Amino acid sequence: MAQVLRPLKGTFLQEDFPDLIVGLAEPDDSAVYRIDGNRAIISTTDFFPPVVDSPYDFGAIAAANALSDVYAMGGRPLMAINLVAFPDGLDMEILSEILRGGADKVKEAGAVIAGGHTITDKEPKYGLSVTGEVELDKLLLKSGAKVADKLILTKPLGVGVITTALKQGVIADNFLQNAVRSMSRLNNIASQLAVKHNVHAMTDITGYSLLGHGHEMAHLSHVGLRIEFNRLNWLDGALSYAEQDIFPGGMNRNQDYFAKWTKFEGNFADFQKQLLFDPQTSGGLLMAVDPTVADELLHDLVSYGEDAFYVGDVIEGDGELIVRDV
């Protein structure tokens, strides 16, 4: 992706757009544009093919995923634009349910859907372009992690494995429904608590996996991350399906790219390593927080119903990841 975007950096120079706080020069979860001395606009977009069979659930998950990038910056969504690709000849009731699921999730976020655009495609795709706002003194970036920070994640892992088990027709219904609930859950409360407790850095865990997005945080913060494998929480069924080698293709791409920055210390089975490269859909927020307030933040997250847990801590380094089995 960096190679694709490189020509744009020569076209749009940072010095020509001083109010663009976050953009091509400093990649993050969303673009951020200052509008006055106190506030900035957040802009992001995301869409993808169905990850579950239920059109309504797909719409809700896709919307939650797109909204998450605003929450990852410490912001509040204001409005969204539907992005739709839909095949000719497919029952329009399916599209109606997709849009209903997305609309309900946007309404839950306190935002409004203000329009949209639809094209014809061979496969359904749905997502949102989201506009939000953030107070500048509450803006959270990937690049603020500090050595000795504690790492907290707010949702369990294993989404890619679960949705692949669904595609292969081997999923247990209770495992699927648990994953749908997790993917559909907004990251709004978690974001608000992160701002309240002044976390140093934050990003959401999506398609690049825990280690991929962890590397981005570490690299931009000029630190390393130490991940404690035995602290990680997994969606029900994820470990057993992974042991059966049920992984999405994105896992291999993530592993091929991010493995160069990753060192495993201890005894790991191949499937355990691969799980850490599993692409997530609408995953949780990864927070780097001062150790003196980490316990209080984790307590508040759990009190508000978040499935939050410690992941590890921040160490000296420059983008390196160490995974331990202790």
Protein backbone atom coordinates (compact mmCIF):
# COMPACT_ATOMS: atom_id res chain seq x y z
CA MET A 1 0.00 0.00 0.00
CA ALA A 2 2.84 2.41 0.78
CA GLN A 3 4.21 2.00 -2.75
CA VAL A 4 0.77 2.72 -4.25
CA LEU A 5 0.41 5.92 -2.23
CA ARG A 6 3.96 7.17 -2.75
CA PRO A 7 3.16 9.25 -5.91
CA LEU A 8 0.49 11.15 -3.96
CA LYS A 9 3.09 12.35 -1.47
CA GLY A 10 4.82 14.22 -4.27
CA THR A 11 1.56 15.74 -5.45
CA PHE A 12 0.28 16.89 -2.05
CA LEU A 13 3.13 18.30 0.03
CA GLN A 14 2.60 18.53 3.78
CA GLU A 15 3.87 22.10 3.93
CA ASP A 16 1.17 23.19 1.48
CA PHE A 17 -1.57 21.94 3.79
CA PRO A 18 -0.56 22.93 7.33
CA ASP A 19 -4.02 22.18 8.74
CA LEU A 20 -3.81 18.54 7.63
CA ILE A 21 -2.63 17.15 10.96
CA VAL A 22 -2.76 13.49 9.93
CA GLY A 23 -2.57 12.35 6.31
CA LEU A 24 -0.13 10.75 3.91
CA ALA A 25 2.93 12.05 5.74
CA GLU A 26 1.97 10.42 9.06
CA PRO A 27 -0.31 7.44 8.29
CA ASP A 28 -2.87 6.62 10.95
CA ASP A 29 -6.40 5.20 11.23
CA SER A 30 -8.05 8.34 9.77
CA ALA A 31 -7.17 11.65 8.18
CA VAL A 32 -7.44 14.63 10.53
CA TYR A 33 -7.93 18.23 9.37
CA ARG A 34 -7.82 21.17 11.79
CA ILE A 35 -10.80 23.56 11.46
CA ASP A 36 -10.00 25.97 14.31
CA GLY A 37 -7.80 26.27 17.35
CA ASN A 38 -9.68 23.61 19.31
CA ARG A 39 -11.26 21.15 16.88
CA ALA A 40 -10.47 18.98 13.90
CA ILE A 41 -12.46 16.98 11.38
CA ILE A 42 -11.81 13.23 11.11
CA SER A 43 -12.36 11.52 7.75
CA THR A 44 -12.19 7.80 7.00
CA THR A 45 -13.68 5.12 4.77
CA ASP A 46 -13.89 1.32 4.71
CA PHE A 47 -15.93 -1.31 2.87
CA PHE A 48 -15.64 -5.02 2.08
CA PRO A 49 -17.55 -8.13 0.93
CA PRO A 50 -19.83 -10.06 3.33
CA VAL A 51 -18.13 -11.79 6.25
CA VAL A 52 -21.34 -13.44 7.52
CA ASP A 53 -24.45 -14.81 5.83
CA SER A 54 -27.04 -12.55 7.50
CA PRO A 55 -27.40 -9.34 5.41
CA TYR A 56 -28.45 -7.35 8.47
CA ASP A 57 -25.48 -8.53 10.54
CA PHE A 58 -23.13 -7.86 7.62
CA GLY A 59 -24.39 -4.28 7.40
CA ALA A 60 -24.00 -3.73 11.13
CA ILE A 61 -20.49 -5.21 11.19
CA ALA A 62 -19.32 -3.19 8.19
CA ALA A 63 -20.67 0.01 9.75
CA ALA A 64 -19.08 -0.71 13.14
CA ASN A 65 -15.79 -1.39 11.38
CA ALA A 66 -15.85 1.91 9.49
CA LEU A 67 -16.90 3.92 12.56
CA SER A 68 -14.07 2.35 14.55
CA ASP A 69 -11.41 4.43 12.78
CA VAL A 70 -12.97 7.59 14.20
CA TYR A 71 -13.05 6.08 17.68
CA ALA A 72 -9.42 5.02 17.30
CA MET A 73 -8.50 8.70 17.01
CA GLY A 74 -10.44 9.64 20.16
CA GLY A 75 -13.19 11.24 18.07
CA ARG A 76 -16.96 11.24 17.68
CA PRO A 77 -18.74 10.30 14.42
CA LEU A 78 -21.00 12.98 12.96
CA MET A 79 -22.27 11.57 9.67
CA ALA A 80 -21.72 8.73 7.24
CA ILE A 81 -22.17 8.10 3.52
CA ASN A 82 -23.16 4.61 2.36
CA LEU A 83 -20.80 2.89 -0.09
CA VAL A 84 -22.50 0.00 -1.91
CA ALA A 85 -21.62 -2.46 -4.65
CA PHE A 86 -24.44 -4.83 -5.57
CA PRO A 87 -24.96 -7.44 -8.32
CA ASP A 88 -27.69 -7.15 -10.93
CA GLY A 89 -30.41 -9.72 -10.36
CA LEU A 90 -29.81 -10.23 -6.64
CA ASP A 91 -32.87 -9.78 -4.44
CA MET A 92 -33.11 -6.11 -3.45
CA GLU A 93 -34.47 -7.16 -0.06
CA ILE A 94 -30.93 -8.33 0.71
CA LEU A 95 -29.61 -4.84 0.03
CA SER A 96 -32.36 -3.32 2.14
CA GLU A 97 -31.34 -5.50 5.08
CA ILE A 98 -27.65 -4.63 4.64
CA LEU A 99 -28.50 -0.93 4.68
CA ARG A 100 -30.83 -1.37 7.65
CA GLY A 101 -28.07 -3.04 9.63
CA GLY A 102 -25.68 -0.22 8.80
CA ALA A 103 -28.24 2.46 9.59
CA ASP A 104 -29.05 0.97 13.00
CA LYS A 105 -25.36 0.92 13.90
CA VAL A 106 -24.80 4.52 12.76
CA LYS A 107 -27.84 5.61 14.77
CA GLU A 108 -26.47 3.78 17.81
CA ALA A 109 -23.26 5.79 17.35
CA GLY A 110 -25.26 9.02 17.54
CA ALA A 111 -24.44 9.90 13.92
CA VAL A 112 -26.59 10.16 10.78
CA ILE A 113 -26.43 8.62 7.31
CA ALA A 114 -26.56 11.58 4.93
CA GLY A 115 -26.53 9.82 1.55
CA GLY A 116 -24.52 7.31 -0.42
CA HIS A 117 -23.42 5.86 -3.74
CA THR A 118 -24.15 2.51 -5.38
CA ILE A 119 -22.47 0.71 -8.26
CA THR A 120 -23.08 -2.64 -9.95
CA ASP A 121 -20.53 -5.34 -9.11
CA LYS A 122 -20.27 -9.12 -9.25
CA GLU A 123 -20.10 -9.40 -5.46
CA PRO A 124 -21.92 -7.38 -2.79
CA LYS A 125 -19.76 -4.92 -0.89
CA TYR A 126 -20.76 -2.44 1.76
CA GLY A 127 -19.19 0.13 4.02
CA LEU A 128 -19.18 3.77 4.96
CA SER A 129 -17.33 6.99 4.45
CA VAL A 130 -17.41 8.57 7.91
CA THR A 131 -16.89 12.15 9.03
CA GLY A 132 -16.24 12.84 12.68
CA GLU A 133 -14.81 15.48 14.96
CA VAL A 134 -12.24 15.54 17.73
CA GLU A 135 -10.97 18.10 20.21
CA LEU A 136 -7.31 18.65 19.42
CA ASP A 137 -6.19 18.06 23.00
CA LYS A 138 -7.94 14.66 22.95
CA LEU A 139 -6.62 13.47 19.59
CA LEU A 140 -5.05 10.00 19.86
CA LEU A 141 -2.46 8.74 17.39
CA LYS A 142 -0.58 5.51 16.82
CA SER A 143 2.70 7.30 17.37
CA GLY A 144 2.56 8.17 21.09
CA ALA A 145 3.47 4.88 22.79
CA LYS A 146 6.20 5.17 25.44
CA VAL A 147 8.59 2.63 26.91
CA ALA A 148 7.05 0.90 29.98
CA ASP A 149 3.48 1.58 28.81
CA LYS A 150 1.03 -1.26 29.33
CA LEU A 151 -0.85 -2.60 26.31
CA ILE A 152 -4.61 -3.20 26.57
CA LEU A 153 -6.90 -4.66 23.88
CA THR A 154 -10.67 -4.29 24.12
CA LYS A 155 -11.98 -7.24 22.08
CA PRO A 156 -10.98 -10.91 21.80
CA LEU A 157 -9.09 -12.11 18.73
CA GLY A 158 -9.76 -14.80 16.14
CA VAL A 159 -12.36 -13.21 13.84
CA GLY A 160 -10.66 -14.31 10.62
CA VAL A 161 -10.55 -17.92 11.75
CA ILE A 162 -14.23 -17.89 12.78
CA THR A 163 -15.47 -16.32 9.53
CA THR A 164 -13.34 -18.76 7.51
CA ALA A 165 -14.90 -21.66 9.42
CA LEU A 166 -18.27 -20.21 8.38
CA LYS A 167 -17.23 -20.14 4.71
CA GLN A 168 -16.07 -23.74 4.97
CA GLY A 169 -19.38 -24.80 6.52
CA VAL A 170 -17.90 -26.11 9.77
CA ILE A 171 -18.82 -23.31 12.17
CA ALA A 172 -20.79 -24.00 15.35
CA ASP A 173 -23.72 -21.58 15.59
CA ASN A 174 -22.91 -20.41 19.11
CA PHE A 175 -19.34 -19.62 18.07
CA LEU A 176 -20.62 -17.61 15.09
CA GLN A 177 -23.14 -15.62 17.12
CA ASN A 178 -20.50 -14.77 19.71
CA ALA A 179 -18.22 -13.47 16.94
CA VAL A 180 -21.05 -11.46 15.39
CA ARG A 181 -21.74 -9.79 18.73
CA SER A 182 -18.08 -8.88 19.08
CA MET A 183 -17.75 -7.53 15.53
CA SER A 184 -20.99 -5.55 15.84
CA ARG A 185 -20.00 -3.88 19.10
CA LEU A 186 -19.04 -0.24 18.72
CA ASN A 187 -15.72 0.97 20.09
CA ASN A 188 -17.33 4.17 21.36
CA ILE A 189 -17.23 3.47 25.10
CA ALA A 190 -13.70 2.11 24.90
CA SER A 191 -12.61 5.24 23.05
CA GLN A 192 -14.20 7.55 25.60
CA LEU A 193 -12.47 5.73 28.45
CA ALA A 194 -9.15 5.88 26.61
CA VAL A 195 -9.48 9.66 26.32
CA LYS A 196 -10.51 9.93 29.97
CA HIS A 197 -7.42 8.04 31.12
CA ASN A 198 -5.05 9.88 28.75
CA VAL A 199 -3.72 6.87 26.90
CA HIS A 200 -0.53 7.63 25.00
CA ALA A 201 -1.34 5.84 21.72
CA MET A 202 -4.23 3.91 20.20
CA THR A 203 -5.20 2.04 17.05
CA ASP A 204 -7.88 -0.48 16.13
CA ILE A 205 -7.03 -4.06 15.22
CA THR A 206 -8.42 -4.93 11.79
CA GLY A 207 -7.13 -6.49 8.60
CA TYR A 208 -3.40 -6.34 9.34
CA SER A 209 -3.81 -8.48 12.50
CA LEU A 210 -2.64 -7.86 16.05
CA LEU A 211 1.01 -8.06 15.05
CA GLY A 212 0.57 -5.98 11.91
CA HIS A 213 -1.19 -3.10 13.63
CA GLY A 214 1.08 -3.56 16.64
CA HIS A 215 4.09 -3.08 14.36
CA GLU A 216 2.57 0.13 12.98
CA MET A 217 2.18 1.51 16.51
CA ALA A 218 5.69 0.43 17.47
CA HIS A 219 7.29 1.76 14.28
CA LEU A 220 5.59 5.16 14.41
CA SER A 221 6.35 5.48 18.14
CA HIS A 222 10.00 4.34 17.72
CA VAL A 223 9.55 1.63 20.34
CA GLY A 224 9.12 -2.14 20.49
CA LEU A 225 6.18 -4.17 21.75
CA ARG A 226 6.35 -7.27 23.93
CA ILE A 227 3.27 -9.48 23.54
CA GLU A 228 2.43 -12.08 26.18
CA PHE A 229 0.68 -14.89 24.30
CA ASN A 230 -0.89 -16.42 27.39
CA ARG A 231 -2.60 -13.13 28.25
CA LEU A 232 -4.51 -13.00 24.96
CA ASN A 233 -8.26 -13.66 24.83
CA TRP A 234 -9.74 -15.57 21.90
CA LEU A 235 -13.24 -15.85 20.50
CA ASP A 236 -14.86 -19.17 21.34
CA GLY A 237 -13.75 -21.75 18.80
CA ALA A 238 -10.82 -19.76 17.39
CA LEU A 239 -8.07 -21.89 18.91
CA SER A 240 -9.62 -25.20 17.87
CA TYR A 241 -10.32 -24.06 14.30
CA ALA A 242 -6.81 -22.64 14.01
CA GLU A 243 -5.36 -25.96 15.13
CA GLN A 244 -7.29 -27.49 12.20
CA ASP A 245 -5.53 -25.00 9.86
CA ILE A 246 -8.69 -23.02 9.15
CA PHE A 247 -7.25 -19.60 8.26
CA PRO A 248 -8.18 -16.88 5.76
CA GLY A 249 -5.76 -16.06 2.95
CA GLY A 250 -5.05 -12.71 4.57
CA MET A 251 -3.21 -14.48 7.38
CA ASN A 252 -0.51 -15.66 4.97
CA ARG A 253 -0.12 -12.16 3.50
CA ASN A 254 0.19 -10.63 6.95
CA GLN A 255 2.70 -13.25 8.04
CA ASP A 256 4.77 -12.85 4.89
CA TYR A 257 5.02 -9.09 5.41
CA PHE A 258 5.16 -8.58 9.19
CA ALA A 259 7.15 -11.65 10.26
CA LYS A 260 10.42 -9.82 9.59
CA TRP A 261 9.75 -7.59 12.61
CA THR A 262 8.55 -10.43 14.86
CA LYS A 263 10.53 -12.66 17.21
CA PHE A 264 8.89 -15.58 19.04
CA GLU A 265 10.44 -16.54 22.37
CA GLY A 266 9.40 -19.93 23.73
CA ASN A 267 7.63 -22.98 22.37
CA PHE A 268 4.94 -22.10 19.85
CA ALA A 269 3.00 -24.36 17.54
CA ASP A 270 2.66 -23.07 14.00
CA PHE A 271 -1.06 -22.41 14.44
CA GLN A 272 -0.39 -20.27 17.52
CA LYS A 273 2.01 -18.08 15.55
CA GLN A 274 -0.43 -17.87 12.65
CA LEU A 275 -3.25 -16.75 14.94
CA LEU A 276 -1.31 -13.58 15.70
CA PHE A 277 -1.35 -12.72 11.97
CA ASP A 278 -5.09 -13.48 11.64
CA PRO A 279 -6.86 -10.52 9.98
CA GLN A 280 -9.64 -9.09 12.14
CA THR A 281 -12.88 -7.41 11.12
CA SER A 282 -14.18 -4.69 13.43
CA GLY A 283 -11.68 -5.64 16.13
CA GLY A 284 -10.91 -3.91 19.39
CA LEU A 285 -8.81 -0.89 20.28
CA LEU A 286 -5.16 -1.45 21.16
CA MET A 287 -4.10 1.10 23.79
CA ALA A 288 -0.68 2.03 25.13
CA VAL A 289 -1.20 3.54 28.57
CA ASP A 290 0.96 4.70 31.46
CA PRO A 291 1.43 1.81 33.93
CA THR A 292 0.28 3.98 36.84
CA VAL A 293 -3.26 4.22 35.42
CA ALA A 294 -3.44 0.96 33.46
CA ASP A 295 -5.23 -1.05 36.16
CA GLU A 296 -7.83 1.67 36.62
CA LEU A 297 -8.44 1.88 32.87
CA LEU A 298 -8.79 -1.89 32.54
CA HIS A 299 -11.19 -1.96 35.50
CA ASP A 300 -13.35 0.76 33.92
CA LEU A 301 -13.37 -0.98 30.54
CA VAL A 302 -14.53 -4.25 32.05
CA SER A 303 -17.09 -2.44 34.22
CA TYR A 304 -18.65 -1.00 31.06
CA GLY A 305 -18.91 -4.44 29.46
CA GLU A 306 -15.79 -4.41 27.31
CA ASP A 307 -13.97 -7.74 26.88
CA ALA A 308 -10.69 -5.97 27.62
CA PHE A 309 -7.43 -7.58 28.69
CA TYR A 310 -3.71 -6.93 28.99
CA VAL A 311 -1.67 -7.77 25.89
CA GLY A 312 1.84 -6.94 27.05
CA ASP A 313 3.97 -3.83 27.33
CA VAL A 314 6.08 -1.32 25.43
CA ILE A 315 9.85 -1.83 25.34
CA GLU A 316 12.90 -0.22 23.74
CA GLY A 317 13.08 -0.69 19.99
CA ASP A 318 11.95 0.68 16.64
CA GLY A 319 9.08 -1.39 15.33
CA GLU A 320 10.19 -4.77 16.65
CA LEU A 321 7.71 -7.22 18.19
CA ILE A 322 8.59 -9.89 20.73
CA VAL A 323 6.01 -12.60 21.47
CA ARG A 324 6.54 -14.69 24.61
CA ASP A 325 4.70 -17.78 25.82
CA VAL A 326 5.19 -17.11 29.55
